[in-house]
């Protein structure tokens, strides 16, 4: 089986794609993969580091208003289709899978027009422009949230969940806490704003720091690489409690989350797939700066089921953050309820469902 996977721009498109590749190798050790991304996207660094063959096309996204940029984008799109056709033909792909981001557009479109089986995967509750466009041409649309099914042709939609959930469930390894500088015997709160960090979350935790040392639980505070140096200077002013460990970034988040008791985070689709797979109670602070406000809608899926507390940016500060943390960790019944409700929203076999879809589409074409 030869599989082309494409998706990029943000970790939310890339990490589910990598998780799918990793999990598919468990089902079919002979499968071969080619990842198609852009030269300047995050995928150009992340994918080669995962030892996956990587090729690039030149493409940019559309602006939401009429501009010369969009004229140039159409020209690039047509050239990218030509490049994608060559990659698909030379690799002799059996199937092409797109996980979102503008790079997936020409690659999946080219495959569909060549008669190669195609699947797109939508991570969010509200789909992006690329997947909406591609849904007219692909064979199947795999979705992570039932709420997003209504945006796509009904006969093509399959609810699979996010492959990142499968990767987290099957992750192995020792408790990483001691290596990070944490105790293995205390309840642990992970505070993270994504790979680039989130200023409102950082501000709230800095404000809470003087009171954190009084708590019986410990905190792993992941600032995001671009905020780390500035945050460290701010922390030095207020003092760094012994029960707080600060890191700019952690690559092996699944291992950390497996042993955490609570997470404070944004509401990106990959994050929600990870925490529901583990049944990890959460305080979610969605970014209001994303397309169609999809993070708030993602978060509401969990908060409506009492699996998480949803806080908008304007609601969060140091006092509110600590009150929410205390409310969850000091009440065993509440924690267990959130844990169970979170697990009920999980799709632990997401990657397996995706693989089954692939086999169904490939077999008739052979």
Foldseek 3Di string as FASTA:
>chain_A
DEEEEEEFQFPLQVVLRVLLVVVVCVVPVPYAYEYEYACPTPCVVVVVVVVHHYDYADADDDDPDDDVVNVVRVVSLVVRLVVLLVVCVVSVHQEYEYADDPNVQSNQQSCLVVVRAYEYEALFLDGDPRCLVCLVRHQAYEYQDPNNCVSHDVVRYDDQHGSLLQCLLPDDDDQCQVVLPADLPFAEEEEAEPQQADVLSLQQVLQQQLVVLVDRHAYEYAGHQVCVVVSVVSCVVSDHHSRYGYHPDDPPVSSNLLRHQEYEYEQRSSVLQSCLSNLHEYEYAHDCPDPPSRRQVSVCVLVVLLLYHYDYSVRGHNVVVVVVVCVQPVDPVSSVSSSVSSPVSYNNCSSVVVVVVSCVSSVVVD
